[in-house]
Protein backbone atom coordinates (compact mmCIF):
# COMPACT_ATOMS: atom_id res chain seq x y z
CA UNK A 1 -16.91 -15.71 51.37
CA UNK A 2 -15.46 -12.59 49.72
CA UNK A 3 -13.29 -14.73 47.41
CA UNK A 4 -16.58 -16.98 46.35
CA UNK A 5 -18.21 -13.54 45.49
CA UNK A 6 -15.14 -12.44 43.60
CA UNK A 7 -15.05 -15.46 41.79
CA UNK A 8 -18.88 -15.15 40.83
CA UNK A 9 -18.31 -11.61 39.67
CA UNK A 10 -15.20 -12.49 37.79
CA UNK A 11 -17.34 -15.24 36.01
CA UNK A 12 -20.08 -13.11 35.10
CA UNK A 13 -17.64 -10.52 33.52
CA UNK A 14 -16.02 -13.09 31.44
CA UNK A 15 -19.24 -14.48 30.16
CA UNK A 16 -20.88 -10.87 29.94
CA UNK A 17 -18.03 -9.64 27.45
CA UNK A 18 -18.69 -9.82 24.02
CA UNK A 19 -15.73 -10.68 22.03
CA UNK A 20 -15.77 -8.41 18.85
CA UNK A 21 -12.06 -9.03 17.48
CA UNK A 22 -13.44 -11.07 14.66
CA UNK A 23 -16.20 -8.70 13.87
CA UNK A 24 -14.07 -5.74 13.00
CA UNK A 25 -13.91 -4.80 9.45
CA UNK A 26 -10.46 -4.36 7.81
CA UNK A 27 -9.85 -1.56 5.68
CA UNK A 28 -10.46 -3.52 2.52
CA UNK A 29 -13.81 -4.37 3.83
CA UNK A 30 -16.00 -1.24 3.17
CA UNK A 31 -18.54 -1.48 0.78
CA UNK A 32 -17.36 -0.38 -2.76
CA UNK A 33 -19.40 1.91 -4.99
CA UNK A 34 -19.28 1.88 -8.60
CA UNK A 35 -20.46 4.32 -11.34
CA UNK A 36 -22.49 1.41 -12.71
CA UNK A 37 -24.77 -0.22 -9.96
CA UNK A 38 -27.79 -2.64 -10.77
CA UNK A 39 -29.91 -5.00 -8.79
CA UNK A 40 -29.15 -8.47 -9.01
CA UNK A 41 -32.49 -8.96 -11.00
CA UNK A 42 -31.27 -6.25 -13.35
CA UNK A 43 -28.02 -7.95 -13.93
CA UNK A 44 -29.59 -11.38 -14.43
CA UNK A 45 -32.00 -9.82 -17.12
CA UNK A 46 -29.10 -8.24 -19.05
CA UNK A 47 -26.30 -10.82 -18.63
CA UNK A 48 -26.37 -14.63 -19.90
CA UNK A 49 -26.19 -16.99 -17.17
CA UNK A 50 -22.38 -17.72 -17.57
CA UNK A 51 -21.72 -13.96 -17.76
CA UNK A 52 -23.92 -13.25 -14.52
CA UNK A 53 -22.14 -16.17 -12.44
CA UNK A 54 -18.59 -15.13 -13.62
CA UNK A 55 -19.23 -11.15 -13.36
CA UNK A 56 -21.58 -11.04 -10.32
CA UNK A 57 -20.92 -14.32 -8.23
CA UNK A 58 -16.95 -14.42 -8.85
CA UNK A 59 -17.26 -17.94 -10.61
CA UNK A 60 -14.56 -19.25 -13.01
CA UNK A 61 -15.32 -20.54 -16.33
CA UNK A 62 -13.88 -23.69 -17.40
CA UNK A 63 -10.39 -23.64 -19.29
CA UNK A 64 -9.92 -23.61 -22.84
CA UNK A 65 -13.86 -23.07 -23.32
CA UNK A 66 -13.81 -19.27 -24.22
CA UNK A 67 -14.31 -18.05 -27.77
CA UNK A 68 -11.84 -15.16 -27.24
CA UNK A 69 -9.01 -17.49 -26.15
CA UNK A 70 -7.62 -17.84 -29.60
CA UNK A 71 -8.94 -14.49 -30.99
CA UNK A 72 -6.03 -12.68 -32.64
CA UNK A 73 -7.85 -9.69 -34.24
CA UNK A 74 -6.87 -6.29 -33.25
CA UNK A 75 -9.13 -4.30 -31.01
CA UNK A 76 -10.26 -3.94 -27.49
CA UNK A 77 -11.55 -6.28 -24.81
CA UNK A 78 -14.45 -4.63 -22.89
CA UNK A 79 -16.27 -5.65 -19.74
CA UNK A 80 -19.36 -7.82 -20.73
CA UNK A 81 -21.26 -5.96 -18.22
CA UNK A 82 -20.87 -2.37 -18.74
CA UNK A 83 -18.81 -2.09 -21.95
CA UNK A 84 -15.67 -0.37 -20.14
CA UNK A 85 -12.59 -0.96 -22.35
CA UNK A 86 -10.37 -3.06 -20.12
CA UNK A 87 -7.36 -4.70 -22.35
CA UNK A 88 -5.84 -4.07 -25.78
CA UNK A 89 -5.36 -6.86 -28.06
CA UNK A 90 -1.48 -5.67 -28.27
CA UNK A 91 -1.27 -6.91 -24.74
CA UNK A 92 -2.86 -10.44 -25.17
CA UNK A 93 -0.78 -13.47 -25.11
CA UNK A 94 -0.97 -17.13 -25.13
CA UNK A 95 -0.33 -18.24 -21.68
CA UNK A 96 -1.17 -21.91 -21.98
CA UNK A 97 -3.58 -21.70 -19.03
CA UNK A 98 -6.70 -22.09 -21.11
CA UNK A 99 -7.99 -18.47 -20.19
CA UNK A 100 -7.30 -15.28 -22.26
CA UNK A 101 -4.10 -13.68 -20.65
CA UNK A 102 -2.79 -10.15 -21.02
CA UNK A 103 0.31 -8.64 -19.60
CA UNK A 104 -1.25 -5.23 -19.16
CA UNK A 105 -4.38 -3.74 -18.43
CA UNK A 106 -5.97 -0.27 -19.52
CA UNK A 107 -4.89 1.80 -16.77
CA UNK A 108 -7.69 3.01 -14.18
CA UNK A 109 -10.36 0.43 -15.68
CA UNK A 110 -9.36 -2.52 -13.67
CA UNK A 111 -9.53 -2.58 -10.14
CA UNK A 112 -7.95 -4.97 -7.68
CA UNK A 113 -8.76 -6.82 -4.35
CA UNK A 114 -7.32 -9.69 -2.22
CA UNK A 115 -8.92 -13.04 -2.53
CA UNK A 116 -8.51 -15.97 -0.17
CA UNK A 117 -11.28 -18.13 -1.57
CA UNK A 118 -8.99 -21.14 -2.34
CA UNK A 119 -6.97 -20.84 0.87
CA UNK A 120 -4.26 -18.56 -0.07
CA UNK A 121 -3.79 -14.91 -1.04
CA UNK A 122 -4.60 -14.08 -4.83
CA UNK A 123 -5.06 -10.69 -6.38
CA UNK A 124 -8.64 -10.57 -7.90
CA UNK A 125 -9.45 -8.24 -10.70
CA UNK A 126 -12.64 -6.56 -11.50
CA UNK A 127 -14.16 -3.91 -13.53
CA UNK A 128 -13.57 -0.49 -12.06
CA UNK A 129 -16.85 0.80 -13.44
CA UNK A 130 -19.32 -1.82 -12.36
CA UNK A 131 -17.27 -4.25 -10.04
CA UNK A 132 -17.74 -7.27 -12.27
CA UNK A 133 -15.30 -10.01 -11.51
CA UNK A 134 -12.76 -10.54 -14.12
CA UNK A 135 -10.21 -13.12 -13.07
CA UNK A 136 -6.66 -12.77 -11.31
CA UNK A 137 -3.35 -11.26 -11.82
CA UNK A 138 -0.18 -13.17 -11.20
CA UNK A 139 3.48 -12.42 -11.36
CA UNK A 140 4.48 -14.91 -13.88
CA UNK A 141 3.83 -13.00 -16.97
CA UNK A 142 6.18 -11.93 -19.97
CA UNK A 143 8.06 -8.60 -20.29
CA UNK A 144 7.47 -5.72 -20.11
CA UNK A 145 5.33 -6.03 -16.98
CA UNK A 146 5.98 -9.55 -15.80
CA UNK A 147 2.36 -9.90 -15.17
CA UNK A 148 -0.30 -12.48 -16.20
CA UNK A 149 -3.76 -10.91 -16.12
CA UNK A 150 -5.89 -14.42 -16.15
CA UNK A 151 -9.25 -13.47 -17.43
CA UNK A 152 -12.25 -15.34 -17.77
CA UNK A 153 -13.39 -14.89 -21.43
CA UNK A 154 -17.08 -14.82 -20.51
CA UNK A 155 -16.44 -11.56 -18.51
CA UNK A 156 -15.37 -9.82 -22.01
CA UNK A 157 -16.81 -8.80 -25.11
CA UNK A 158 -14.45 -7.84 -28.16
CA UNK A 159 -14.66 -4.78 -30.04
CA UNK A 160 -12.53 -5.17 -33.40
CA UNK A 161 -10.42 -1.85 -34.67
CA UNK A 162 -12.06 -0.33 -37.48
CA UNK A 163 -9.82 0.48 -40.40
CA UNK A 164 -9.81 4.01 -41.68
């Protein structure tokens, strides 16, 4: 009789325990706050449909479709969402991937996160000011950094240098 009661009590304890190991947030899961924050509706009003889906929904534009891919002018590539300067034309290079690529960001203006969306770890890049998704950075770029910032052109606007 005692063993039956112990067995029932043990079963109730097991069933009653709520496993939370999968619910714990990792250190990178805290909600991030950005200097520029807007509602989804505000973003939709200000951005084109393509800009909205890339910057706010982390979509990827089709390769070889960006008007900025072959841009060779001197200037600054800024976030299409908030205008934050992200890359200089001097660091842009032809990677052959179909997306504008840079070997160096403007320090402090690009933030990074880990992305497992396609089944393996990648380093996602986003604007440090508004959180807009830009693309990903890879370790197969040219010298001097060895990095390839593979950026969705639709996430960028280009500001040409002015001659003085």
